[in-house]
Amino acid sequence: MNKVIRNIKDNYKQLEQSITRQLNLKVDNHHLTAGLNREKIWLELFRQIIPMKFAIRQGVFLMDSSGNVSKEVDIAVFDEQFTPYIFKYGNIHFIPIEAVSVVIQCKSKTINADDINKWYKEIDDLKTVTGGMARMVSFIATDSPNTQKETKPISILCHLESEEYSNENYDLIITSFDKGLSIKWDDRVNTLEKAFLRFNGINKLTDIEKYSRDDQALVAIEEKLGCKMSDLEADDNSILSLIFQLNQLLMLINNPMLFPHQAYVDMFNGKKPQS
C-alpha cells in the first residue's frame, strides 16, 4: 500500500474518532441542546460523504400528492435541482416524497421503539406516483422508466451505544461507540439486487420489461447486482465503507423521479387522486 492511500485511510480513522468523541460528550443537564448538537454532527458526517448534487436539510416534513404528511424528519437527503418544494419559507420545508433519497432518524436518549417505528411507518406510507413529463435527448418522457416503478428513501437510524434497538424497519443502523462507528445493513438490503428492487418498487428483476436471462449483457448485470454490501467494506474503516456503500445505493435509486406536477395541483384543488 502506497503512502498516499495509507494516509487517506488514516485520515478517515481520525475523522471517525473525532466524530465519536463529539457524539459522546456528556451534557446531562440539557438533553435538548445535546440532542440538537449531535444531530448536527451526524448531518456533517453525511454532508462529507454524499455528493453535492443532493441537498441535506434538518427538520423537514415529507408529503405525497394525496396530502399525507410525515412527522418531522431529523435529516433528509433529497433532490433540489429538478423537484420543486411543496412549501419553503425560512427553516420550514415541505418536500415531495418523489424527491427524497435518504431519511435519517437521530437519537440521543433512550430509544422508544414505538415512537421511531411510528415515525418510520408515516414515511413508508407516503406513496410516489407517476405522471411526470420531461424532455429527454430524443423524445419527451411521460412516465417513469420500467426500472423504477416508484421510489422509497433509504431509512437510517443513528444512535449512541447506550441506546438499544432491535431493528424492525430501518435499512441501516449506525451506532456510535467510544472507539468508532458500527455500520449494520439490514438483511432486506444486504445485496445490491435486494436494495435495487426495494428502493425502486420492483418485485423481481424479471418484472422489468424486456428482461431476459438469455441476454448475456443482462446476465452480467445480474451478477454485479449479486454484490453484497459487505463486499463494499473497507477493512477496519467505517466511514470509508459507508462512502462506497451508500453512494452505490444512491446511484441505483438515481432520484429524482419525474415529478408529477398535475397530481399535486389536483391535491391543492381538492380533486381526489386517480386510482
C-alpha atoms as a PDB file:
ATOM      1  CA  MET A   1       0.000   0.000   0.000  1.00  0.00           C
ATOM      2  CA  ASN A   2       1.498   3.343  -1.001  1.00  0.00           C
ATOM      3  CA  LYS A   3       1.842   6.254   1.387  1.00  0.00           C
ATOM      4  CA  VAL A   4      -0.991   8.365  -0.090  1.00  0.00           C
ATOM      5  CA  ILE A   5      -3.553   5.555   0.227  1.00  0.00           C
ATOM      6  CA  ARG A   6      -2.406   4.754   3.753  1.00  0.00           C
ATOM      7  CA  ASN A   7      -2.705   8.420   4.756  1.00  0.00           C
ATOM      8  CA  ILE A   8      -6.239   8.662   3.348  1.00  0.00           C
ATOM      9  CA  LYS A   9      -7.309   5.616   5.362  1.00  0.00           C
ATOM     10  CA  ASP A  10      -5.642   7.014   8.484  1.00  0.00           C
ATOM     11  CA  ASN A  11      -7.380  10.363   7.961  1.00  0.00           C
ATOM     12  CA  TYR A  12     -10.769   8.648   7.870  1.00  0.00           C
ATOM     13  CA  LYS A  13      -9.970   6.756  11.059  1.00  0.00           C
ATOM     14  CA  GLN A  14      -9.041  10.021  12.782  1.00  0.00           C
ATOM     15  CA  LEU A  15     -12.249  11.616  11.497  1.00  0.00           C
ATOM     16  CA  GLU A  16     -14.254   8.670  12.852  1.00  0.00           C
ATOM     17  CA  GLN A  17     -12.624   9.022  16.269  1.00  0.00           C
ATOM     18  CA  SER A  18     -13.312  12.763  16.279  1.00  0.00           C
ATOM     19  CA  ILE A  19     -16.982  12.202  15.441  1.00  0.00           C
ATOM     20  CA  THR A  20     -17.488   9.593  18.142  1.00  0.00           C
ATOM     21  CA  ARG A  21     -15.801  11.812  20.749  1.00  0.00           C
ATOM     22  CA  GLN A  22     -18.158  14.668  19.861  1.00  0.00           C
ATOM     23  CA  LEU A  23     -21.226  12.426  19.869  1.00  0.00           C
ATOM     24  CA  ASN A  24     -20.373  11.042  23.289  1.00  0.00           C
ATOM     25  CA  LEU A  25     -19.817  14.366  25.049  1.00  0.00           C
ATOM     26  CA  LYS A  26     -21.773  14.416  28.329  1.00  0.00           C
ATOM     27  CA  VAL A  27     -24.394  17.192  28.627  1.00  0.00           C
ATOM     28  CA  ASP A  28     -26.630  15.698  31.303  1.00  0.00           C
ATOM     29  CA  ASN A  29     -28.208  18.989  32.348  1.00  0.00           C
ATOM     30  CA  HIS A  30     -29.612  19.919  28.928  1.00  0.00           C
ATOM     31  CA  HIS A  31     -30.786  16.979  26.824  1.00  0.00           C
ATOM     32  CA  LEU A  32     -32.429  19.099  24.107  1.00  0.00           C
ATOM     33  CA  THR A  33     -29.264  21.079  23.400  1.00  0.00           C
ATOM     34  CA  ALA A  34     -27.203  17.886  23.406  1.00  0.00           C
ATOM     35  CA  GLY A  35     -29.639  16.228  21.022  1.00  0.00           C
ATOM     36  CA  LEU A  36     -29.597  19.099  18.536  1.00  0.00           C
ATOM     37  CA  ASN A  37     -25.808  19.226  18.702  1.00  0.00           C
ATOM     38  CA  ARG A  38     -25.489  15.504  17.980  1.00  0.00           C
ATOM     39  CA  GLU A  39     -27.939  15.859  15.099  1.00  0.00           C
ATOM     40  CA  LYS A  40     -25.665  18.496  13.555  1.00  0.00           C
ATOM     41  CA  ILE A  41     -22.661  16.198  13.981  1.00  0.00           C
ATOM     42  CA  TRP A  42     -24.478  13.405  12.137  1.00  0.00           C
ATOM     43  CA  LEU A  43     -25.514  15.861   9.416  1.00  0.00           C
ATOM     44  CA  GLU A  44     -21.911  16.983   8.909  1.00  0.00           C
ATOM     45  CA  LEU A  45     -20.848  13.359   8.556  1.00  0.00           C
ATOM     46  CA  PHE A  46     -23.378  12.755   5.793  1.00  0.00           C
ATOM     47  CA  ARG A  47     -22.522  16.047   4.111  1.00  0.00           C
ATOM     48  CA  GLN A  48     -18.919  14.890   3.847  1.00  0.00           C
ATOM     49  CA  ILE A  49     -19.782  11.568   2.208  1.00  0.00           C
ATOM     50  CA  ILE A  50     -22.792  12.393  -0.017  1.00  0.00           C
ATOM     51  CA  PRO A  51     -22.252  14.232  -3.344  1.00  0.00           C
ATOM     52  CA  MET A  52     -23.203  17.888  -3.523  1.00  0.00           C
ATOM     53  CA  LYS A  53     -25.882  17.138  -6.150  1.00  0.00           C
ATOM     54  CA  PHE A  54     -28.044  16.180  -3.156  1.00  0.00           C
ATOM     55  CA  ALA A  55     -29.417  18.706  -0.679  1.00  0.00           C
ATOM     56  CA  ILE A  56     -29.314  17.820   3.022  1.00  0.00           C
ATOM     57  CA  ARG A  57     -31.658  19.534   5.472  1.00  0.00           C
ATOM     58  CA  GLN A  58     -32.603  19.219   9.132  1.00  0.00           C
ATOM     59  CA  GLY A  59     -36.139  19.280  10.459  1.00  0.00           C
ATOM     60  CA  VAL A  60     -38.180  18.870   7.270  1.00  0.00           C
ATOM     61  CA  PHE A  61     -41.593  17.372   6.547  1.00  0.00           C
ATOM     62  CA  LEU A  62     -42.279  14.969   3.695  1.00  0.00           C
ATOM     63  CA  MET A  63     -45.587  14.666   1.896  1.00  0.00           C
ATOM     64  CA  ASP A  64     -47.233  12.963  -1.070  1.00  0.00           C
ATOM     65  CA  SER A  65     -49.817  14.039  -3.651  1.00  0.00           C
ATOM     66  CA  SER A  66     -52.628  12.507  -1.571  1.00  0.00           C
ATOM     67  CA  GLY A  67     -51.963  15.084   1.168  1.00  0.00           C
ATOM     68  CA  ASN A  68     -50.299  12.704   3.625  1.00  0.00           C
ATOM     69  CA  VAL A  69     -47.576  14.360   5.713  1.00  0.00           C
ATOM     70  CA  SER A  70     -44.829  12.712   7.761  1.00  0.00           C
ATOM     71  CA  LYS A  71     -43.641  13.599  11.223  1.00  0.00           C
ATOM     72  CA  GLU A  72     -40.632  15.894  11.295  1.00  0.00           C
ATOM     73  CA  VAL A  73     -37.599  14.210   9.739  1.00  0.00           C
ATOM     74  CA  ASP A  74     -34.329  14.843  11.565  1.00  0.00           C
ATOM     75  CA  ILE A  75     -32.235  14.778   8.384  1.00  0.00           C
ATOM     76  CA  ALA A  76     -33.391  14.340   4.790  1.00  0.00           C
ATOM     77  CA  VAL A  77     -31.300  13.869   1.646  1.00  0.00           C
ATOM     78  CA  PHE A  78     -33.152  14.929  -1.486  1.00  0.00           C
ATOM     79  CA  ASP A  79     -33.059  16.437  -4.960  1.00  0.00           C
ATOM     80  CA  GLU A  80     -33.194  20.229  -5.003  1.00  0.00           C
ATOM     81  CA  GLN A  81     -32.396  20.776  -8.686  1.00  0.00           C
ATOM     82  CA  PHE A  82     -35.322  19.248 -10.570  1.00  0.00           C
ATOM     83  CA  THR A  83     -38.079  18.785  -7.982  1.00  0.00           C
ATOM     84  CA  PRO A  84     -39.931  21.781  -6.500  1.00  0.00           C
ATOM     85  CA  TYR A  85     -40.567  22.273  -2.812  1.00  0.00           C
ATOM     86  CA  ILE A  86     -44.213  22.000  -1.861  1.00  0.00           C
ATOM     87  CA  PHE A  87     -43.581  24.791   0.626  1.00  0.00           C
ATOM     88  CA  LYS A  88     -40.394  26.581   1.640  1.00  0.00           C
ATOM     89  CA  TYR A  89     -40.058  29.563   3.946  1.00  0.00           C
ATOM     90  CA  GLY A  90     -37.078  30.135   6.213  1.00  0.00           C
ATOM     91  CA  ASN A  91     -36.425  26.874   8.034  1.00  0.00           C
ATOM     92  CA  ILE A  92     -39.822  25.404   7.125  1.00  0.00           C
ATOM     93  CA  HIS A  93     -39.593  22.829   4.350  1.00  0.00           C
ATOM     94  CA  PHE A  94     -42.271  20.529   2.920  1.00  0.00           C
ATOM     95  CA  ILE A  95     -40.656  18.174   0.422  1.00  0.00           C
ATOM     96  CA  PRO A  96     -42.437  15.819  -2.008  1.00  0.00           C
ATOM     97  CA  ILE A  97     -41.618  12.157  -1.427  1.00  0.00           C
ATOM     98  CA  GLU A  98     -40.654  11.778  -5.115  1.00  0.00           C
ATOM     99  CA  ALA A  99     -37.528  13.847  -4.412  1.00  0.00           C
ATOM    100  CA  VAL A 100     -36.280  12.068  -1.292  1.00  0.00           C
ATOM    101  CA  SER A 101     -33.342   9.655  -1.348  1.00  0.00           C
ATOM    102  CA  VAL A 102     -32.497   9.187   2.347  1.00  0.00           C
ATOM    103  CA  VAL A 103     -34.288   9.800   5.650  1.00  0.00           C
ATOM    104  CA  ILE A 104     -32.285   9.800   8.878  1.00  0.00           C
ATOM    105  CA  GLN A 105     -33.531   9.496  12.452  1.00  0.00           C
ATOM    106  CA  CYS A 106     -31.035  10.631  15.113  1.00  0.00           C
ATOM    107  CA  LYS A 107     -31.485   9.524  18.722  1.00  0.00           C
ATOM    108  CA  SER A 108     -29.642  10.959  21.700  1.00  0.00           C
ATOM    109  CA  LYS A 109     -31.620   9.481  24.572  1.00  0.00           C
ATOM    110  CA  THR A 110     -33.228   6.132  25.290  1.00  0.00           C
ATOM    111  CA  ILE A 111     -34.867   4.812  22.129  1.00  0.00           C
ATOM    112  CA  ASN A 112     -38.626   4.415  22.303  1.00  0.00           C
ATOM    113  CA  ALA A 113     -39.251   1.644  19.771  1.00  0.00           C
ATOM    114  CA  ASP A 114     -42.932   2.513  19.385  1.00  0.00           C
ATOM    115  CA  ASP A 115     -42.130   6.147  18.578  1.00  0.00           C
ATOM    116  CA  ILE A 116     -39.438   5.526  15.995  1.00  0.00           C
ATOM    117  CA  ASN A 117     -41.371   2.680  14.368  1.00  0.00           C
ATOM    118  CA  LYS A 118     -44.373   5.013  14.057  1.00  0.00           C
ATOM    119  CA  TRP A 119     -42.050   7.664  12.589  1.00  0.00           C
ATOM    120  CA  TYR A 120     -40.836   5.157  10.024  1.00  0.00           C
ATOM    121  CA  LYS A 121     -44.355   3.982   9.150  1.00  0.00           C
ATOM    122  CA  GLU A 122     -45.580   7.512   8.429  1.00  0.00           C
ATOM    123  CA  ILE A 123     -42.769   7.906   5.904  1.00  0.00           C
ATOM    124  CA  ASP A 124     -43.283   4.424   4.488  1.00  0.00           C
ATOM    125  CA  ASP A 125     -46.984   5.213   3.984  1.00  0.00           C
ATOM    126  CA  LEU A 126     -46.141   8.139   1.682  1.00  0.00           C
ATOM    127  CA  LYS A 127     -46.608   6.981  -1.906  1.00  0.00           C
ATOM    128  CA  THR A 128     -44.968   8.257  -5.046  1.00  0.00           C
ATOM    129  CA  VAL A 129     -47.000   8.498  -8.233  1.00  0.00           C
ATOM    130  CA  THR A 130     -46.066   8.511 -11.904  1.00  0.00           C
ATOM    131  CA  GLY A 131     -47.264  11.007 -14.485  1.00  0.00           C
ATOM    132  CA  GLY A 132     -44.380  13.435 -14.747  1.00  0.00           C
ATOM    133  CA  MET A 133     -43.091  14.818 -18.031  1.00  0.00           C
ATOM    134  CA  ALA A 134     -39.639  15.932 -19.125  1.00  0.00           C
ATOM    135  CA  ARG A 135     -37.640  16.435 -22.297  1.00  0.00           C
ATOM    136  CA  MET A 136     -35.043  13.788 -22.977  1.00  0.00           C
ATOM    137  CA  VAL A 137     -32.397  13.794 -25.720  1.00  0.00           C
ATOM    138  CA  SER A 138     -34.591  12.335 -28.435  1.00  0.00           C
ATOM    139  CA  PHE A 139     -38.128  12.355 -27.056  1.00  0.00           C
ATOM    140  CA  ILE A 140     -40.495  13.553 -24.336  1.00  0.00           C
ATOM    141  CA  ALA A 141     -40.676  11.203 -21.350  1.00  0.00           C
ATOM    142  CA  THR A 142     -44.155  10.986 -19.824  1.00  0.00           C
ATOM    143  CA  ASP A 143     -43.693   8.166 -17.352  1.00  0.00           C
ATOM    144  CA  SER A 144     -41.091   6.580 -15.119  1.00  0.00           C
ATOM    145  CA  PRO A 145     -38.759   4.021 -16.710  1.00  0.00           C
ATOM    146  CA  ASN A 146     -39.584   0.360 -16.182  1.00  0.00           C
ATOM    147  CA  THR A 147     -36.560   0.113 -13.873  1.00  0.00           C
ATOM    148  CA  GLN A 148     -38.298   2.391 -11.362  1.00  0.00           C
ATOM    149  CA  LYS A 149     -41.980   1.830 -10.645  1.00  0.00           C
ATOM    150  CA  GLU A 150     -41.881   4.048  -7.558  1.00  0.00           C
ATOM    151  CA  THR A 151     -39.245   5.285  -5.132  1.00  0.00           C
ATOM    152  CA  LYS A 152     -38.623   4.625  -1.446  1.00  0.00           C
ATOM    153  CA  PRO A 153     -35.968   6.516   0.552  1.00  0.00           C
ATOM    154  CA  ILE A 154     -33.159   4.683   2.309  1.00  0.00           C
ATOM    155  CA  SER A 155     -34.004   4.780   6.028  1.00  0.00           C
ATOM    156  CA  ILE A 156     -31.164   5.232   8.520  1.00  0.00           C
ATOM    157  CA  LEU A 157     -31.191   5.230  12.322  1.00  0.00           C
ATOM    158  CA  CYS A 158     -28.204   6.879  14.035  1.00  0.00           C
ATOM    159  CA  HIS A 159     -27.807   6.352  17.769  1.00  0.00           C
ATOM    160  CA  LEU A 160     -25.376   6.012  20.654  1.00  0.00           C
ATOM    161  CA  GLU A 161     -24.035   2.772  22.097  1.00  0.00           C
ATOM    162  CA  SER A 162     -26.061   3.267  25.283  1.00  0.00           C
ATOM    163  CA  GLU A 163     -29.328   3.073  23.330  1.00  0.00           C
ATOM    164  CA  GLU A 164     -30.581  -0.378  22.415  1.00  0.00           C
ATOM    165  CA  TYR A 165     -32.902  -1.056  19.487  1.00  0.00           C
ATOM    166  CA  SER A 166     -33.988  -4.279  17.833  1.00  0.00           C
ATOM    167  CA  ASN A 167     -34.320  -3.325  14.176  1.00  0.00           C
ATOM    168  CA  GLU A 168     -37.718  -3.858  12.602  1.00  0.00           C
ATOM    169  CA  ASN A 169     -37.772  -1.258   9.867  1.00  0.00           C
ATOM    170  CA  TYR A 170     -34.573   0.628   9.144  1.00  0.00           C
ATOM    171  CA  ASP A 171     -32.317  -0.196   6.203  1.00  0.00           C
ATOM    172  CA  LEU A 172     -29.181   0.910   8.025  1.00  0.00           C
ATOM    173  CA  ILE A 173     -28.266   1.275  11.696  1.00  0.00           C
ATOM    174  CA  ILE A 174     -25.232   3.416  12.582  1.00  0.00           C
ATOM    175  CA  THR A 175     -24.127   3.138  16.190  1.00  0.00           C
ATOM    176  CA  SER A 176     -21.560   5.387  17.839  1.00  0.00           C
ATOM    177  CA  PHE A 177     -19.262   3.512  20.231  1.00  0.00           C
ATOM    178  CA  ASP A 178     -16.439   5.049  22.226  1.00  0.00           C
ATOM    179  CA  LYS A 179     -13.870   3.727  19.753  1.00  0.00           C
ATOM    180  CA  GLY A 180     -15.708   4.137  16.473  1.00  0.00           C
ATOM    181  CA  LEU A 181     -18.840   3.714  14.376  1.00  0.00           C
ATOM    182  CA  SER A 182     -20.694   0.470  13.681  1.00  0.00           C
ATOM    183  CA  ILE A 183     -22.341   0.194  10.232  1.00  0.00           C
ATOM    184  CA  LYS A 184     -25.033  -2.503  10.024  1.00  0.00           C
ATOM    185  CA  TRP A 185     -27.217  -3.019   6.953  1.00  0.00           C
ATOM    186  CA  ASP A 186     -30.496  -4.877   7.335  1.00  0.00           C
ATOM    187  CA  ASP A 187     -30.903  -8.264   5.638  1.00  0.00           C
ATOM    188  CA  ARG A 188     -33.543  -6.759   3.307  1.00  0.00           C
ATOM    189  CA  VAL A 189     -30.828  -4.702   1.607  1.00  0.00           C
ATOM    190  CA  ASN A 190     -27.695  -6.763   2.183  1.00  0.00           C
ATOM    191  CA  THR A 191     -27.136  -7.197  -1.568  1.00  0.00           C
ATOM    192  CA  LEU A 192     -27.318  -4.628  -4.359  1.00  0.00           C
ATOM    193  CA  GLU A 193     -30.103  -6.591  -6.040  1.00  0.00           C
ATOM    194  CA  LYS A 194     -32.286  -6.560  -2.922  1.00  0.00           C
ATOM    195  CA  ALA A 195     -31.673  -2.835  -2.468  1.00  0.00           C
ATOM    196  CA  PHE A 196     -32.343  -2.052  -6.135  1.00  0.00           C
ATOM    197  CA  LEU A 197     -35.669  -3.883  -6.049  1.00  0.00           C
ATOM    198  CA  ARG A 198     -36.727  -2.436  -2.669  1.00  0.00           C
ATOM    199  CA  PHE A 199     -35.998   1.205  -3.425  1.00  0.00           C
ATOM    200  CA  ASN A 200     -37.429   1.169  -6.952  1.00  0.00           C
ATOM    201  CA  GLY A 201     -40.716  -0.639  -6.274  1.00  0.00           C
ATOM    202  CA  ILE A 202     -39.901  -3.769  -8.290  1.00  0.00           C
ATOM    203  CA  ASN A 203     -40.725  -7.289  -7.106  1.00  0.00           C
ATOM    204  CA  LYS A 204     -38.116  -9.168  -9.150  1.00  0.00           C
ATOM    205  CA  LEU A 205     -35.704  -8.493 -11.975  1.00  0.00           C
ATOM    206  CA  THR A 206     -37.785 -10.427 -14.484  1.00  0.00           C
ATOM    207  CA  ASP A 207     -40.609  -7.902 -13.947  1.00  0.00           C
ATOM    208  CA  ILE A 208     -38.519  -5.360 -15.851  1.00  0.00           C
ATOM    209  CA  GLU A 209     -39.733  -5.099 -19.436  1.00  0.00           C
ATOM    210  CA  LYS A 210     -37.522  -6.904 -21.988  1.00  0.00           C
ATOM    211  CA  TYR A 211     -35.501  -8.553 -19.231  1.00  0.00           C
ATOM    212  CA  SER A 212     -34.256 -11.948 -20.372  1.00  0.00           C
ATOM    213  CA  ARG A 213     -31.873 -14.369 -18.771  1.00  0.00           C
ATOM    214  CA  ASP A 214     -30.725 -15.282 -22.294  1.00  0.00           C
ATOM    215  CA  ASP A 215     -29.351 -11.796 -22.779  1.00  0.00           C
ATOM    216  CA  GLN A 216     -25.675 -12.024 -21.845  1.00  0.00           C
ATOM    217  CA  ALA A 217     -25.442  -8.322 -21.022  1.00  0.00           C
ATOM    218  CA  LEU A 218     -28.291  -8.647 -18.541  1.00  0.00           C
ATOM    219  CA  VAL A 219     -26.781 -11.775 -17.064  1.00  0.00           C
ATOM    220  CA  ALA A 220     -23.627  -9.755 -16.380  1.00  0.00           C
ATOM    221  CA  ILE A 221     -25.705  -7.037 -14.706  1.00  0.00           C
ATOM    222  CA  GLU A 222     -27.439  -9.645 -12.570  1.00  0.00           C
ATOM    223  CA  GLU A 223     -24.065 -10.943 -11.439  1.00  0.00           C
ATOM    224  CA  LYS A 224     -22.982  -7.420 -10.437  1.00  0.00           C
ATOM    225  CA  LEU A 225     -26.242  -6.897  -8.551  1.00  0.00           C
ATOM    226  CA  GLY A 226     -25.382 -10.011  -6.554  1.00  0.00           C
ATOM    227  CA  CYS A 227     -22.647  -7.985  -4.847  1.00  0.00           C
ATOM    228  CA  LYS A 228     -23.077  -7.975  -1.061  1.00  0.00           C
ATOM    229  CA  MET A 229     -22.919  -4.795   0.974  1.00  0.00           C
ATOM    230  CA  SER A 230     -20.127  -6.461   2.922  1.00  0.00           C
ATOM    231  CA  ASP A 231     -18.125  -6.669  -0.330  1.00  0.00           C
ATOM    232  CA  LEU A 232     -18.063  -2.859  -0.345  1.00  0.00           C
ATOM    233  CA  GLU A 233     -16.472  -2.614   3.099  1.00  0.00           C
ATOM    234  CA  ALA A 234     -13.036  -1.075   3.535  1.00  0.00           C
ATOM    235  CA  ASP A 235     -11.200  -3.079   6.179  1.00  0.00           C
ATOM    236  CA  ASP A 236     -11.461  -1.532   9.650  1.00  0.00           C
ATOM    237  CA  ASN A 237     -12.713   1.778   8.260  1.00  0.00           C
ATOM    238  CA  SER A 238     -16.389   2.548   8.844  1.00  0.00           C
ATOM    239  CA  ILE A 239     -16.599   5.950   7.154  1.00  0.00           C
ATOM    240  CA  LEU A 240     -14.749   4.804   4.041  1.00  0.00           C
ATOM    241  CA  SER A 241     -17.056   1.776   3.882  1.00  0.00           C
ATOM    242  CA  LEU A 242     -20.127   3.986   4.221  1.00  0.00           C
ATOM    243  CA  ILE A 243     -18.938   6.233   1.394  1.00  0.00           C
ATOM    244  CA  PHE A 244     -18.834   3.362  -1.082  1.00  0.00           C
ATOM    245  CA  GLN A 245     -21.914   1.535   0.197  1.00  0.00           C
ATOM    246  CA  LEU A 246     -24.290   4.487   0.481  1.00  0.00           C
ATOM    247  CA  ASN A 247     -23.211   6.165  -2.742  1.00  0.00           C
ATOM    248  CA  GLN A 248     -23.585   2.923  -4.675  1.00  0.00           C
ATOM    249  CA  LEU A 249     -27.175   2.664  -3.434  1.00  0.00           C
ATOM    250  CA  LEU A 250     -27.827   6.300  -4.337  1.00  0.00           C
ATOM    251  CA  MET A 251     -26.687   5.543  -7.881  1.00  0.00           C
ATOM    252  CA  LEU A 252     -29.120   2.620  -8.060  1.00  0.00           C
ATOM    253  CA  ILE A 253     -32.016   4.775  -6.873  1.00  0.00           C
ATOM    254  CA  ASN A 254     -30.956   7.583  -9.195  1.00  0.00           C
ATOM    255  CA  ASN A 255     -33.541  10.013  -7.829  1.00  0.00           C
ATOM    256  CA  PRO A 256     -35.455  12.096  -8.637  1.00  0.00           C
ATOM    257  CA  MET A 257     -38.433  10.526 -10.337  1.00  0.00           C
ATOM    258  CA  LEU A 258     -40.207  12.582 -12.970  1.00  0.00           C
ATOM    259  CA  PHE A 259     -42.177  14.941 -10.749  1.00  0.00           C
ATOM    260  CA  PRO A 260     -45.976  14.551 -11.145  1.00  0.00           C
ATOM    261  CA  HIS A 261     -46.917  18.238 -11.169  1.00  0.00           C
ATOM    262  CA  GLN A 262     -50.535  17.551 -12.122  1.00  0.00           C
ATOM    263  CA  ALA A 263     -51.081  15.199  -9.185  1.00  0.00           C
ATOM    264  CA  TYR A 264     -50.024  17.896  -6.707  1.00  0.00           C
ATOM    265  CA  VAL A 265     -52.084  20.549  -8.500  1.00  0.00           C
ATOM    266  CA  ASP A 266     -55.108  18.252  -8.219  1.00  0.00           C
ATOM    267  CA  MET A 267     -54.428  17.810  -4.495  1.00  0.00           C
ATOM    268  CA  PHE A 268     -54.412  21.552  -3.878  1.00  0.00           C
ATOM    269  CA  ASN A 269     -57.552  21.905  -5.994  1.00  0.00           C
ATOM    270  CA  GLY A 270     -59.337  19.334  -3.884  1.00  0.00           C
ATOM    271  CA  LYS A 271     -59.578  16.655  -6.558  1.00  0.00           C
ATOM    272  CA  LYS A 272     -59.369  13.031  -5.479  1.00  0.00           C
ATOM    273  CA  PRO A 273     -56.265  11.197  -6.711  1.00  0.00           C
ATOM    274  CA  GLN A 274     -56.794   8.829  -9.596  1.00  0.00           C
ATOM    275  CA  SER A 275     -56.680   5.153  -8.644  1.00  0.00           C
END
